[in-house]
């Protein structure tokens, strides 16, 4: 199984920005899917770029998209809206979407509050 990590800063500022989110996209060839790992707080500018990355992955029509949010301590309304839109697109396109928090209490709390779990 060939995989390749692509680390892409989600901020329009330099990657050294400490409070911006970072995304890593790893194709999973055996499952015809992708794992998207997000770390850091997701604010409005980050949410816009996250949405673009997720839409690009969905345009490739994978069978499954896993979004690992275990390293995201907070996500504002814009980020939650992006995740809701992605969830809706997954439902209408038949792509399995998994928002994974891996037991991280912060991520679980804001995902539950937004009714995304």
PDB file of N, CA and C in Angstrom:
ATOM      1  N   UNK A   1       0.849  -1.169   0.000  1.00  0.00           N
ATOM      2  CA  UNK A   1       0.000   0.000   0.000  1.00  0.00           C
ATOM      3  C   UNK A   1       0.894   1.231   0.000  1.00  0.00           C
ATOM      4  N   UNK A   2       0.735   2.043  -1.000  1.00  0.00           N
ATOM      5  CA  UNK A   2       1.533   3.267  -1.104  1.00  0.00           C
ATOM      6  C   UNK A   2       0.788   4.427  -0.474  1.00  0.00           C
ATOM      7  N   UNK A   3       1.452   5.120   0.391  1.00  0.00           N
ATOM      8  CA  UNK A   3       0.855   6.312   0.988  1.00  0.00           C
ATOM      9  C   UNK A   3       1.871   7.432   0.942  1.00  0.00           C
ATOM     10  N   UNK A   4       1.362   8.635   0.913  1.00  0.00           N
ATOM     11  CA  UNK A   4       2.251   9.799   0.917  1.00  0.00           C
ATOM     12  C   UNK A   4       1.607  10.873   1.769  1.00  0.00           C
ATOM     13  N   UNK A   5       2.360  11.414   2.670  1.00  0.00           N
ATOM     14  CA  UNK A   5       1.848  12.495   3.510  1.00  0.00           C
ATOM     15  C   UNK A   5       2.067  13.819   2.810  1.00  0.00           C
ATOM     16  N   UNK A   6       1.072  14.680   2.881  1.00  0.00           N
ATOM     17  CA  UNK A   6       1.194  16.043   2.382  1.00  0.00           C
ATOM     18  C   UNK A   6       0.822  16.945   3.546  1.00  0.00           C
ATOM     19  N   UNK A   7       1.762  17.681   4.076  1.00  0.00           N
ATOM     20  CA  UNK A   7       1.502  18.598   5.182  1.00  0.00           C
ATOM     21  C   UNK A   7       1.297  19.979   4.594  1.00  0.00           C
ATOM     22  N   UNK A   8       0.134  20.539   4.844  1.00  0.00           N
ATOM     23  CA  UNK A   8      -0.208  21.827   4.257  1.00  0.00           C
ATOM     24  C   UNK A   8      -0.665  22.762   5.363  1.00  0.00           C
ATOM     25  N   UNK A   9       0.019  23.884   5.591  1.00  0.00           N
ATOM     26  CA  UNK A   9      -0.471  24.823   6.597  1.00  0.00           C
ATOM     27  C   UNK A   9      -1.800  25.399   6.139  1.00  0.00           C
ATOM     28  N   UNK A  10      -2.730  25.533   7.064  1.00  0.00           N
ATOM     29  CA  UNK A  10      -4.035  26.073   6.732  1.00  0.00           C
ATOM     30  C   UNK A  10      -4.102  27.569   6.901  1.00  0.00           C
ATOM     31  N   UNK A  11      -3.042  28.172   7.278  1.00  0.00           N
ATOM     32  CA  UNK A  11      -3.039  29.604   7.492  1.00  0.00           C
ATOM     33  C   UNK A  11      -2.442  30.309   6.291  1.00  0.00           C
ATOM     34  N   UNK A  12      -2.924  31.512   6.034  1.00  0.00           N
ATOM     35  CA  UNK A  12      -2.326  32.291   4.949  1.00  0.00           C
ATOM     36  C   UNK A  12      -1.004  32.905   5.402  1.00  0.00           C
ATOM     37  N   UNK A  13      -0.711  32.812   6.681  1.00  0.00           N
ATOM     38  CA  UNK A  13       0.550  33.323   7.205  1.00  0.00           C
ATOM     39  C   UNK A  13       1.613  32.236   7.115  1.00  0.00           C
ATOM     40  N   UNK A  14       2.808  32.553   7.533  1.00  0.00           N
ATOM     41  CA  UNK A  14       3.922  31.603   7.499  1.00  0.00           C
ATOM     42  C   UNK A  14       3.606  30.367   8.336  1.00  0.00           C
ATOM     43  N   UNK A  15       4.099  29.181   7.930  1.00  0.00           N
ATOM     44  CA  UNK A  15       3.837  27.952   8.665  1.00  0.00           C
ATOM     45  C   UNK A  15       4.286  27.977  10.122  1.00  0.00           C
ATOM     46  N   UNK A  16       5.138  28.907  10.523  1.00  0.00           N
ATOM     47  CA  UNK A  16       5.604  28.946  11.904  1.00  0.00           C
ATOM     48  C   UNK A  16       4.568  29.539  12.851  1.00  0.00           C
ATOM     49  N   UNK A  17       3.460  30.043  12.310  1.00  0.00           N
ATOM     50  CA  UNK A  17       2.393  30.594  13.154  1.00  0.00           C
ATOM     51  C   UNK A  17       1.931  29.530  14.138  1.00  0.00           C
ATOM     52  N   UNK A  18       1.995  29.813  15.411  1.00  0.00           N
ATOM     53  CA  UNK A  18       1.713  28.812  16.431  1.00  0.00           C
ATOM     54  C   UNK A  18       0.240  28.530  16.632  1.00  0.00           C
ATOM     55  N   UNK A  19      -0.654  29.476  16.384  1.00  0.00           N
ATOM     56  CA  UNK A  19      -2.058  29.250  16.684  1.00  0.00           C
ATOM     57  C   UNK A  19      -2.884  28.871  15.464  1.00  0.00           C
ATOM     58  N   UNK A  20      -2.279  28.765  14.293  1.00  0.00           N
ATOM     59  CA  UNK A  20      -3.005  28.370  13.094  1.00  0.00           C
ATOM     60  C   UNK A  20      -3.112  26.856  12.995  1.00  0.00           C
ATOM     61  N   UNK A  21      -4.103  26.404  12.268  1.00  0.00           N
ATOM     62  CA  UNK A  21      -4.285  24.971  12.083  1.00  0.00           C
ATOM     63  C   UNK A  21      -3.356  24.459  10.988  1.00  0.00           C
ATOM     64  N   UNK A  22      -3.044  23.180  11.068  1.00  0.00           N
ATOM     65  CA  UNK A  22      -2.219  22.508  10.069  1.00  0.00           C
ATOM     66  C   UNK A  22      -2.967  21.257   9.641  1.00  0.00           C
ATOM     67  N   UNK A  23      -2.923  20.952   8.342  1.00  0.00           N
ATOM     68  CA  UNK A  23      -3.596  19.767   7.831  1.00  0.00           C
ATOM     69  C   UNK A  23      -2.575  18.847   7.188  1.00  0.00           C
ATOM     70  N   UNK A  24      -2.774  17.554   7.360  1.00  0.00           N
ATOM     71  CA  UNK A  24      -1.973  16.544   6.670  1.00  0.00           C
ATOM     72  C   UNK A  24      -2.945  15.622   5.965  1.00  0.00           C
ATOM     73  N   UNK A  25      -2.711  15.368   4.683  1.00  0.00           N
ATOM     74  CA  UNK A  25      -3.585  14.514   3.887  1.00  0.00           C
ATOM     75  C   UNK A  25      -2.797  13.278   3.498  1.00  0.00           C
ATOM     76  N   UNK A  26      -3.349  12.102   3.815  1.00  0.00           N
ATOM     77  CA  UNK A  26      -2.669  10.851   3.490  1.00  0.00           C
ATOM     78  C   UNK A  26      -3.628   9.936   2.735  1.00  0.00           C
ATOM     79  N   UNK A  27      -3.356   9.695   1.452  1.00  0.00           N
ATOM     80  CA  UNK A  27      -4.190   8.758   0.709  1.00  0.00           C
ATOM     81  C   UNK A  27      -4.047   7.350   1.281  1.00  0.00           C
ATOM     82  N   UNK A  28      -5.113   6.596   1.257  1.00  0.00           N
ATOM     83  CA  UNK A  28      -5.093   5.202   1.679  1.00  0.00           C
ATOM     84  C   UNK A  28      -5.554   4.395   0.479  1.00  0.00           C
ATOM     85  N   UNK A  29      -4.595   3.973  -0.323  1.00  0.00           N
ATOM     86  CA  UNK A  29      -4.891   3.327  -1.598  1.00  0.00           C
ATOM     87  C   UNK A  29      -5.729   2.060  -1.455  1.00  0.00           C
ATOM     88  N   UNK A  30      -5.436   1.250  -0.459  1.00  0.00           N
ATOM     89  CA  UNK A  30      -6.145  -0.018  -0.303  1.00  0.00           C
ATOM     90  C   UNK A  30      -7.638   0.188  -0.063  1.00  0.00           C
ATOM     91  N   UNK A  31      -8.010   1.287   0.554  1.00  0.00           N
ATOM     92  CA  UNK A  31      -9.416   1.567   0.847  1.00  0.00           C
ATOM     93  C   UNK A  31      -9.996   2.597  -0.109  1.00  0.00           C
ATOM     94  N   UNK A  32      -9.208   3.023  -1.100  1.00  0.00           N
ATOM     95  CA  UNK A  32      -9.613   4.100  -2.012  1.00  0.00           C
ATOM     96  C   UNK A  32     -10.185   5.262  -1.196  1.00  0.00           C
ATOM     97  N   UNK A  33      -9.412   5.665  -0.206  1.00  0.00           N
ATOM     98  CA  UNK A  33      -9.855   6.731   0.680  1.00  0.00           C
ATOM     99  C   UNK A  33      -8.731   7.669   1.033  1.00  0.00           C
ATOM    100  N   UNK A  34      -9.028   8.513   2.005  1.00  0.00           N
ATOM    101  CA  UNK A  34      -8.055   9.508   2.428  1.00  0.00           C
ATOM    102  C   UNK A  34      -8.245   9.786   3.918  1.00  0.00           C
ATOM    103  N   UNK A  35      -7.142  10.038   4.600  1.00  0.00           N
ATOM    104  CA  UNK A  35      -7.179  10.462   5.994  1.00  0.00           C
ATOM    105  C   UNK A  35      -6.700  11.898   6.034  1.00  0.00           C
ATOM    106  N   UNK A  36      -7.509  12.767   6.594  1.00  0.00           N
ATOM    107  CA  UNK A  36      -7.175  14.178   6.730  1.00  0.00           C
ATOM    108  C   UNK A  36      -6.979  14.438   8.221  1.00  0.00           C
ATOM    109  N   UNK A  37      -5.773  14.806   8.600  1.00  0.00           N
ATOM    110  CA  UNK A  37      -5.461  15.074  10.003  1.00  0.00           C
ATOM    111  C   UNK A  37      -5.311  16.575  10.189  1.00  0.00           C
ATOM    112  N   UNK A  38      -6.068  17.117  11.134  1.00  0.00           N
ATOM    113  CA  UNK A  38      -6.037  18.551  11.410  1.00  0.00           C
ATOM    114  C   UNK A  38      -5.506  18.741  12.819  1.00  0.00           C
ATOM    115  N   UNK A  39      -4.602  19.706  12.989  1.00  0.00           N
ATOM    116  CA  UNK A  39      -4.103  20.005  14.328  1.00  0.00           C
ATOM    117  C   UNK A  39      -4.090  21.508  14.529  1.00  0.00           C
ATOM    118  N   UNK A  40      -4.330  21.914  15.761  1.00  0.00           N
ATOM    119  CA  UNK A  40      -4.400  23.333  16.093  1.00  0.00           C
ATOM    120  C   UNK A  40      -5.830  23.834  16.036  1.00  0.00           C
ATOM    121  N   UNK A  41      -6.060  24.981  16.631  1.00  0.00           N
ATOM    122  CA  UNK A  41      -7.393  25.580  16.632  1.00  0.00           C
ATOM    123  C   UNK A  41      -7.776  26.009  15.224  1.00  0.00           C
ATOM    124  N   UNK A  42      -9.035  25.814  14.884  1.00  0.00           N
ATOM    125  CA  UNK A  42      -9.536  26.170  13.557  1.00  0.00           C
ATOM    126  C   UNK A  42     -10.390  27.422  13.688  1.00  0.00           C
ATOM    127  N   UNK A  43      -9.891  28.528  13.128  1.00  0.00           N
ATOM    128  CA  UNK A  43     -10.639  29.787  13.114  1.00  0.00           C
ATOM    129  C   UNK A  43     -11.145  30.024  11.685  1.00  0.00           C
ATOM    130  N   UNK A  44     -11.795  31.147  11.453  1.00  0.00           N
ATOM    131  CA  UNK A  44     -12.421  31.426  10.158  1.00  0.00           C
ATOM    132  C   UNK A  44     -11.460  31.288   8.967  1.00  0.00           C
ATOM    133  N   UNK A  45     -10.275  31.909   8.987  1.00  0.00           N
ATOM    134  CA  UNK A  45      -9.381  31.746   7.826  1.00  0.00           C
ATOM    135  C   UNK A  45      -8.961  30.291   7.618  1.00  0.00           C
ATOM    136  N   UNK A  46      -8.712  29.578   8.717  1.00  0.00           N
ATOM    137  CA  UNK A  46      -8.339  28.171   8.632  1.00  0.00           C
ATOM    138  C   UNK A  46      -9.502  27.351   8.086  1.00  0.00           C
ATOM    139  N   UNK A  47     -10.719  27.687   8.506  1.00  0.00           N
ATOM    140  CA  UNK A  47     -11.900  26.949   8.068  1.00  0.00           C
ATOM    141  C   UNK A  47     -12.082  27.055   6.560  1.00  0.00           C
ATOM    142  N   UNK A  48     -11.834  28.228   6.007  1.00  0.00           N
ATOM    143  CA  UNK A  48     -11.957  28.411   4.566  1.00  0.00           C
ATOM    144  C   UNK A  48     -11.000  27.482   3.826  1.00  0.00           C
ATOM    145  N   UNK A  49      -9.759  27.454   4.263  1.00  0.00           N
ATOM    146  CA  UNK A  49      -8.782  26.587   3.608  1.00  0.00           C
ATOM    147  C   UNK A  49      -9.060  25.117   3.869  1.00  0.00           C
ATOM    148  N   UNK A  50      -9.507  24.778   5.071  1.00  0.00           N
ATOM    149  CA  UNK A  50      -9.880  23.398   5.361  1.00  0.00           C
ATOM    150  C   UNK A  50     -10.991  22.957   4.421  1.00  0.00           C
ATOM    151  N   UNK A  51     -11.989  23.810   4.239  1.00  0.00           N
ATOM    152  CA  UNK A  51     -13.086  23.496   3.326  1.00  0.00           C
ATOM    153  C   UNK A  51     -12.590  23.250   1.911  1.00  0.00           C
ATOM    154  N   UNK A  52     -11.645  24.061   1.457  1.00  0.00           N
ATOM    155  CA  UNK A  52     -11.089  23.877   0.111  1.00  0.00           C
ATOM    156  C   UNK A  52     -10.370  22.541  -0.007  1.00  0.00           C
ATOM    157  N   UNK A  53      -9.585  22.192   1.005  1.00  0.00           N
ATOM    158  CA  UNK A  53      -8.878  20.908   0.981  1.00  0.00           C
ATOM    159  C   UNK A  53      -9.869  19.743   0.985  1.00  0.00           C
ATOM    160  N   UNK A  54     -10.887  19.823   1.825  1.00  0.00           N
ATOM    161  CA  UNK A  54     -11.859  18.735   1.898  1.00  0.00           C
ATOM    162  C   UNK A  54     -12.666  18.620   0.604  1.00  0.00           C
ATOM    163  N   UNK A  55     -13.064  19.744   0.022  1.00  0.00           N
ATOM    164  CA  UNK A  55     -13.797  19.691  -1.250  1.00  0.00           C
ATOM    165  C   UNK A  55     -12.937  19.058  -2.346  1.00  0.00           C
ATOM    166  N   UNK A  56     -11.660  19.408  -2.358  1.00  0.00           N
ATOM    167  CA  UNK A  56     -10.746  18.831  -3.351  1.00  0.00           C
ATOM    168  C   UNK A  56     -10.659  17.312  -3.174  1.00  0.00           C
ATOM    169  N   UNK A  57     -10.591  16.866  -1.931  1.00  0.00           N
ATOM    170  CA  UNK A  57     -10.544  15.418  -1.686  1.00  0.00           C
ATOM    171  C   UNK A  57     -11.851  14.754  -2.110  1.00  0.00           C
ATOM    172  N   UNK A  58     -12.989  15.387  -1.825  1.00  0.00           N
ATOM    173  CA  UNK A  58     -14.277  14.821  -2.213  1.00  0.00           C
ATOM    174  C   UNK A  58     -14.436  14.790  -3.737  1.00  0.00           C
ATOM    175  N   UNK A  59     -13.855  15.761  -4.434  1.00  0.00           N
ATOM    176  CA  UNK A  59     -13.913  15.782  -5.903  1.00  0.00           C
ATOM    177  C   UNK A  59     -13.203  14.568  -6.500  1.00  0.00           C
ATOM    178  N   UNK A  60     -12.289  13.984  -5.771  1.00  0.00           N
ATOM    179  CA  UNK A  60     -11.585  12.778  -6.237  1.00  0.00           C
ATOM    180  C   UNK A  60     -12.440  11.520  -6.067  1.00  0.00           C
ATOM    181  N   UNK A  61     -13.608  11.675  -5.464  1.00  0.00           N
ATOM    182  CA  UNK A  61     -14.581  10.595  -5.255  1.00  0.00           C
ATOM    183  C   UNK A  61     -13.997   9.370  -4.550  1.00  0.00           C
ATOM    184  N   UNK A  62     -13.429   9.575  -3.360  1.00  0.00           N
ATOM    185  CA  UNK A  62     -12.933   8.427  -2.598  1.00  0.00           C
ATOM    186  C   UNK A  62     -14.114   7.631  -2.049  1.00  0.00           C
ATOM    187  N   UNK A  63     -13.852   6.430  -1.595  1.00  0.00           N
ATOM    188  CA  UNK A  63     -14.919   5.661  -0.964  1.00  0.00           C
ATOM    189  C   UNK A  63     -15.106   6.075   0.491  1.00  0.00           C
ATOM    190  N   UNK A  64     -14.031   6.582   1.104  1.00  0.00           N
ATOM    191  CA  UNK A  64     -14.100   6.983   2.504  1.00  0.00           C
ATOM    192  C   UNK A  64     -13.166   8.166   2.765  1.00  0.00           C
ATOM    193  N   UNK A  65     -13.630   9.082   3.607  1.00  0.00           N
ATOM    194  CA  UNK A  65     -12.823  10.205   4.073  1.00  0.00           C
ATOM    195  C   UNK A  65     -12.861  10.188   5.589  1.00  0.00           C
ATOM    196  N   UNK A  66     -11.689  10.119   6.199  1.00  0.00           N
ATOM    197  CA  UNK A  66     -11.563  10.161   7.648  1.00  0.00           C
ATOM    198  C   UNK A  66     -10.928  11.502   7.993  1.00  0.00           C
ATOM    199  N   UNK A  67     -11.601  12.275   8.839  1.00  0.00           N
ATOM    200  CA  UNK A  67     -11.068  13.557   9.295  1.00  0.00           C
ATOM    201  C   UNK A  67     -10.724  13.393  10.771  1.00  0.00           C
ATOM    202  N   UNK A  68      -9.426  13.364  11.060  1.00  0.00           N
ATOM    203  CA  UNK A  68      -8.932  13.184  12.430  1.00  0.00           C
ATOM    204  C   UNK A  68      -8.828  14.559  13.083  1.00  0.00           C
ATOM    205  N   UNK A  69      -9.691  14.790  14.062  1.00  0.00           N
ATOM    206  CA  UNK A  69      -9.760  16.072  14.762  1.00  0.00           C
ATOM    207  C   UNK A  69      -9.247  15.976  16.200  1.00  0.00           C
ATOM    208  N   UNK A  70      -8.534  14.908  16.508  1.00  0.00           N
ATOM    209  CA  UNK A  70      -8.104  14.687  17.893  1.00  0.00           C
ATOM    210  C   UNK A  70      -7.123  15.737  18.390  1.00  0.00           C
ATOM    211  N   UNK A  71      -6.450  16.454  17.490  1.00  0.00           N
ATOM    212  CA  UNK A  71      -5.483  17.478  17.904  1.00  0.00           C
ATOM    213  C   UNK A  71      -6.031  18.890  17.688  1.00  0.00           C
ATOM    214  N   UNK A  72      -7.354  19.007  17.616  1.00  0.00           N
ATOM    215  CA  UNK A  72      -7.998  20.318  17.442  1.00  0.00           C
ATOM    216  C   UNK A  72      -8.695  20.675  18.758  1.00  0.00           C
ATOM    217  N   UNK A  73      -8.114  21.586  19.531  1.00  0.00           N
ATOM    218  CA  UNK A  73      -8.713  21.930  20.819  1.00  0.00           C
ATOM    219  C   UNK A  73      -9.958  22.801  20.690  1.00  0.00           C
ATOM    220  N   UNK A  74     -10.082  23.545  19.588  1.00  0.00           N
ATOM    221  CA  UNK A  74     -11.228  24.439  19.417  1.00  0.00           C
ATOM    222  C   UNK A  74     -11.487  24.661  17.937  1.00  0.00           C
ATOM    223  N   UNK A  75     -12.750  24.886  17.639  1.00  0.00           N
ATOM    224  CA  UNK A  75     -13.166  25.118  16.264  1.00  0.00           C
ATOM    225  C   UNK A  75     -14.298  26.128  16.314  1.00  0.00           C
ATOM    226  N   UNK A  76     -14.149  27.262  15.602  1.00  0.00           N
ATOM    227  CA  UNK A  76     -15.194  28.280  15.666  1.00  0.00           C
ATOM    228  C   UNK A  76     -16.358  27.928  14.736  1.00  0.00           C
ATOM    229  N   UNK A  77     -17.338  28.799  14.679  1.00  0.00           N
ATOM    230  CA  UNK A  77     -18.543  28.560  13.888  1.00  0.00           C
ATOM    231  C   UNK A  77     -18.262  28.317  12.423  1.00  0.00           C
ATOM    232  N   UNK A  78     -17.291  29.003  11.870  1.00  0.00           N
ATOM    233  CA  UNK A  78     -16.950  28.818  10.456  1.00  0.00           C
ATOM    234  C   UNK A  78     -16.430  27.403  10.214  1.00  0.00           C
ATOM    235  N   UNK A  79     -15.612  26.908  11.117  1.00  0.00           N
ATOM    236  CA  UNK A  79     -15.104  25.549  10.988  1.00  0.00           C
ATOM    237  C   UNK A  79     -16.205  24.515  11.122  1.00  0.00           C
ATOM    238  N   UNK A  80     -17.113  24.748  12.060  1.00  0.00           N
ATOM    239  CA  UNK A  80     -18.234  23.833  12.236  1.00  0.00           C
ATOM    240  C   UNK A  80     -19.134  23.826  11.007  1.00  0.00           C
ATOM    241  N   UNK A  81     -19.313  24.982  10.386  1.00  0.00           N
ATOM    242  CA  UNK A  81     -20.112  25.069   9.172  1.00  0.00           C
ATOM    243  C   UNK A  81     -19.466  24.266   8.044  1.00  0.00           C
ATOM    244  N   UNK A  82     -18.149  24.366   7.902  1.00  0.00           N
ATOM    245  CA  UNK A  82     -17.433  23.588   6.890  1.00  0.00           C
ATOM    246  C   UNK A  82     -17.646  22.098   7.131  1.00  0.00           C
ATOM    247  N   UNK A  83     -17.509  21.659   8.365  1.00  0.00           N
ATOM    248  CA  UNK A  83     -17.684  20.241   8.673  1.00  0.00           C
ATOM    249  C   UNK A  83     -19.126  19.796   8.415  1.00  0.00           C
ATOM    250  N   UNK A  84     -20.092  20.653   8.693  1.00  0.00           N
ATOM    251  CA  UNK A  84     -21.493  20.329   8.405  1.00  0.00           C
ATOM    252  C   UNK A  84     -21.729  20.202   6.904  1.00  0.00           C
ATOM    253  N   UNK A  85     -21.139  21.115   6.126  1.00  0.00           N
ATOM    254  CA  UNK A  85     -21.283  21.056   4.670  1.00  0.00           C
ATOM    255  C   UNK A  85     -20.642  19.786   4.112  1.00  0.00           C
ATOM    256  N   UNK A  86     -19.489  19.424   4.642  1.00  0.00           N
ATOM    257  CA  UNK A  86     -18.814  18.207   4.194  1.00  0.00           C
ATOM    258  C   UNK A  86     -19.660  16.986   4.555  1.00  0.00           C
ATOM    259  N   UNK A  87     -20.229  16.984   5.754  1.00  0.00           N
ATOM    260  CA  UNK A  87     -21.099  15.867   6.159  1.00  0.00           C
ATOM    261  C   UNK A  87     -22.275  15.741   5.201  1.00  0.00           C
ATOM    262  N   UNK A  88     -22.892  16.876   4.844  1.00  0.00           N
ATOM    263  CA  UNK A  88     -24.030  16.847   3.927  1.00  0.00           C
ATOM    264  C   UNK A  88     -23.617  16.346   2.547  1.00  0.00           C
ATOM    265  N   UNK A  89     -22.456  16.795   2.073  1.00  0.00           N
ATOM    266  CA  UNK A  89     -21.974  16.338   0.760  1.00  0.00           C
ATOM    267  C   UNK A  89     -21.697  14.844   0.784  1.00  0.00           C
ATOM    268  N   UNK A  90     -21.123  14.363   1.863  1.00  0.00           N
ATOM    269  CA  UNK A  90     -20.842  12.929   1.978  1.00  0.00           C
ATOM    270  C   UNK A  90     -22.142  12.133   1.906  1.00  0.00           C
ATOM    271  N   UNK A  91     -23.170  12.596   2.591  1.00  0.00           N
ATOM    272  CA  UNK A  91     -24.460  11.895   2.578  1.00  0.00           C
ATOM    273  C   UNK A  91     -25.054  11.843   1.175  1.00  0.00           C
ATOM    274  N   UNK A  92     -25.018  12.958   0.464  1.00  0.00           N
ATOM    275  CA  UNK A  92     -25.645  12.995  -0.863  1.00  0.00           C
ATOM    276  C   UNK A  92     -24.819  12.263  -1.919  1.00  0.00           C
ATOM    277  N   UNK A  93     -23.510  12.158  -1.723  1.00  0.00           N
ATOM    278  CA  UNK A  93     -22.652  11.521  -2.723  1.00  0.00           C
ATOM    279  C   UNK A  93     -22.342  10.060  -2.415  1.00  0.00           C
ATOM    280  N   UNK A  94     -22.755   9.575  -1.255  1.00  0.00           N
ATOM    281  CA  UNK A  94     -22.498   8.181  -0.900  1.00  0.00           C
ATOM    282  C   UNK A  94     -21.071   7.905  -0.442  1.00  0.00           C
ATOM    283  N   UNK A  95     -20.342   8.939  -0.074  1.00  0.00           N
ATOM    284  CA  UNK A  95     -18.975   8.781   0.433  1.00  0.00           C
ATOM    285  C   UNK A  95     -19.046   8.639   1.951  1.00  0.00           C
ATOM    286  N   UNK A  96     -18.397   7.623   2.473  1.00  0.00           N
ATOM    287  CA  UNK A  96     -18.369   7.433   3.926  1.00  0.00           C
ATOM    288  C   UNK A  96     -17.474   8.509   4.545  1.00  0.00           C
ATOM    289  N   UNK A  97     -18.019   9.236   5.515  1.00  0.00           N
ATOM    290  CA  UNK A  97     -17.268  10.276   6.217  1.00  0.00           C
ATOM    291  C   UNK A  97     -17.203   9.922   7.689  1.00  0.00           C
ATOM    292  N   UNK A  98     -16.000   9.970   8.232  1.00  0.00           N
ATOM    293  CA  UNK A  98     -15.807   9.702   9.651  1.00  0.00           C
ATOM    294  C   UNK A  98     -15.068  10.875  10.268  1.00  0.00           C
ATOM    295  N   UNK A  99     -15.718  11.573  11.199  1.00  0.00           N
ATOM    296  CA  UNK A  99     -15.081  12.634  11.975  1.00  0.00           C
ATOM    297  C   UNK A  99     -14.573  11.972  13.245  1.00  0.00           C
ATOM    298  N   UNK A 100     -13.283  11.860  13.366  1.00  0.00           N
ATOM    299  CA  UNK A 100     -12.669  11.094  14.447  1.00  0.00           C
ATOM    300  C   UNK A 100     -12.075  12.045  15.464  1.00  0.00           C
ATOM    301  N   UNK A 101     -12.411  11.818  16.710  1.00  0.00           N
ATOM    302  CA  UNK A 101     -11.851  12.637  17.786  1.00  0.00           C
ATOM    303  C   UNK A 101     -10.926  11.823  18.670  1.00  0.00           C
ATOM    304  N   UNK A 102     -10.912  10.508  18.498  1.00  0.00           N
ATOM    305  CA  UNK A 102     -10.001   9.611  19.214  1.00  0.00           C
ATOM    306  C   UNK A 102      -9.965   9.856  20.718  1.00  0.00           C
ATOM    307  N   UNK A 103     -11.104  10.142  21.287  1.00  0.00           N
ATOM    308  CA  UNK A 103     -11.205  10.317  22.724  1.00  0.00           C
ATOM    309  C   UNK A 103     -10.742  11.648  23.260  1.00  0.00           C
ATOM    310  N   UNK A 104     -10.339  12.576  22.392  1.00  0.00           N
ATOM    311  CA  UNK A 104      -9.896  13.894  22.860  1.00  0.00           C
ATOM    312  C   UNK A 104     -11.106  14.636  23.429  1.00  0.00           C
ATOM    313  N   UNK A 105     -11.113  14.934  24.724  1.00  0.00           N
ATOM    314  CA  UNK A 105     -12.290  15.544  25.340  1.00  0.00           C
ATOM    315  C   UNK A 105     -12.698  16.874  24.703  1.00  0.00           C
ATOM    316  N   UNK A 106     -11.737  17.716  24.339  1.00  0.00           N
ATOM    317  CA  UNK A 106     -12.091  19.006  23.741  1.00  0.00           C
ATOM    318  C   UNK A 106     -12.796  18.818  22.408  1.00  0.00           C
ATOM    319  N   UNK A 107     -12.215  17.977  21.551  1.00  0.00           N
ATOM    320  CA  UNK A 107     -12.810  17.748  20.236  1.00  0.00           C
ATOM    321  C   UNK A 107     -14.174  17.094  20.380  1.00  0.00           C
ATOM    322  N   UNK A 108     -14.295  16.127  21.258  1.00  0.00           N
ATOM    323  CA  UNK A 108     -15.583  15.448  21.451  1.00  0.00           C
ATOM    324  C   UNK A 108     -16.654  16.452  21.892  1.00  0.00           C
ATOM    325  N   UNK A 109     -16.291  17.362  22.784  1.00  0.00           N
ATOM    326  CA  UNK A 109     -17.257  18.328  23.307  1.00  0.00           C
ATOM    327  C   UNK A 109     -17.772  19.259  22.199  1.00  0.00           C
ATOM    328  N   UNK A 110     -16.878  19.844  21.397  1.00  0.00           N
ATOM    329  CA  UNK A 110     -17.378  20.782  20.392  1.00  0.00           C
ATOM    330  C   UNK A 110     -18.036  20.070  19.229  1.00  0.00           C
ATOM    331  N   UNK A 111     -17.622  18.835  18.922  1.00  0.00           N
ATOM    332  CA  UNK A 111     -18.324  18.063  17.899  1.00  0.00           C
ATOM    333  C   UNK A 111     -19.733  17.696  18.360  1.00  0.00           C
ATOM    334  N   UNK A 112     -19.867  17.322  19.616  1.00  0.00           N
ATOM    335  CA  UNK A 112     -21.192  16.986  20.151  1.00  0.00           C
ATOM    336  C   UNK A 112     -22.082  18.217  20.216  1.00  0.00           C
ATOM    337  N   UNK A 113     -21.548  19.348  20.671  1.00  0.00           N
ATOM    338  CA  UNK A 113     -22.330  20.586  20.740  1.00  0.00           C
ATOM    339  C   UNK A 113     -22.858  20.998  19.367  1.00  0.00           C
ATOM    340  N   UNK A 114     -22.082  20.723  18.324  1.00  0.00           N
ATOM    341  CA  UNK A 114     -22.484  21.077  16.954  1.00  0.00           C
ATOM    342  C   UNK A 114     -23.320  19.985  16.303  1.00  0.00           C
ATOM    343  N   UNK A 115     -23.611  18.925  17.053  1.00  0.00           N
ATOM    344  CA  UNK A 115     -24.384  17.782  16.552  1.00  0.00           C
ATOM    345  C   UNK A 115     -23.723  17.124  15.339  1.00  0.00           C
ATOM    346  N   UNK A 116     -22.399  17.069  15.381  1.00  0.00           N
ATOM    347  CA  UNK A 116     -21.644  16.418  14.313  1.00  0.00           C
ATOM    348  C   UNK A 116     -21.223  15.003  14.699  1.00  0.00           C
ATOM    349  N   UNK A 117     -21.491  14.598  15.927  1.00  0.00           N
ATOM    350  CA  UNK A 117     -21.196  13.218  16.347  1.00  0.00           C
ATOM    351  C   UNK A 117     -22.450  12.403  16.279  1.00  0.00           C
TER     352      UNK A 117
END
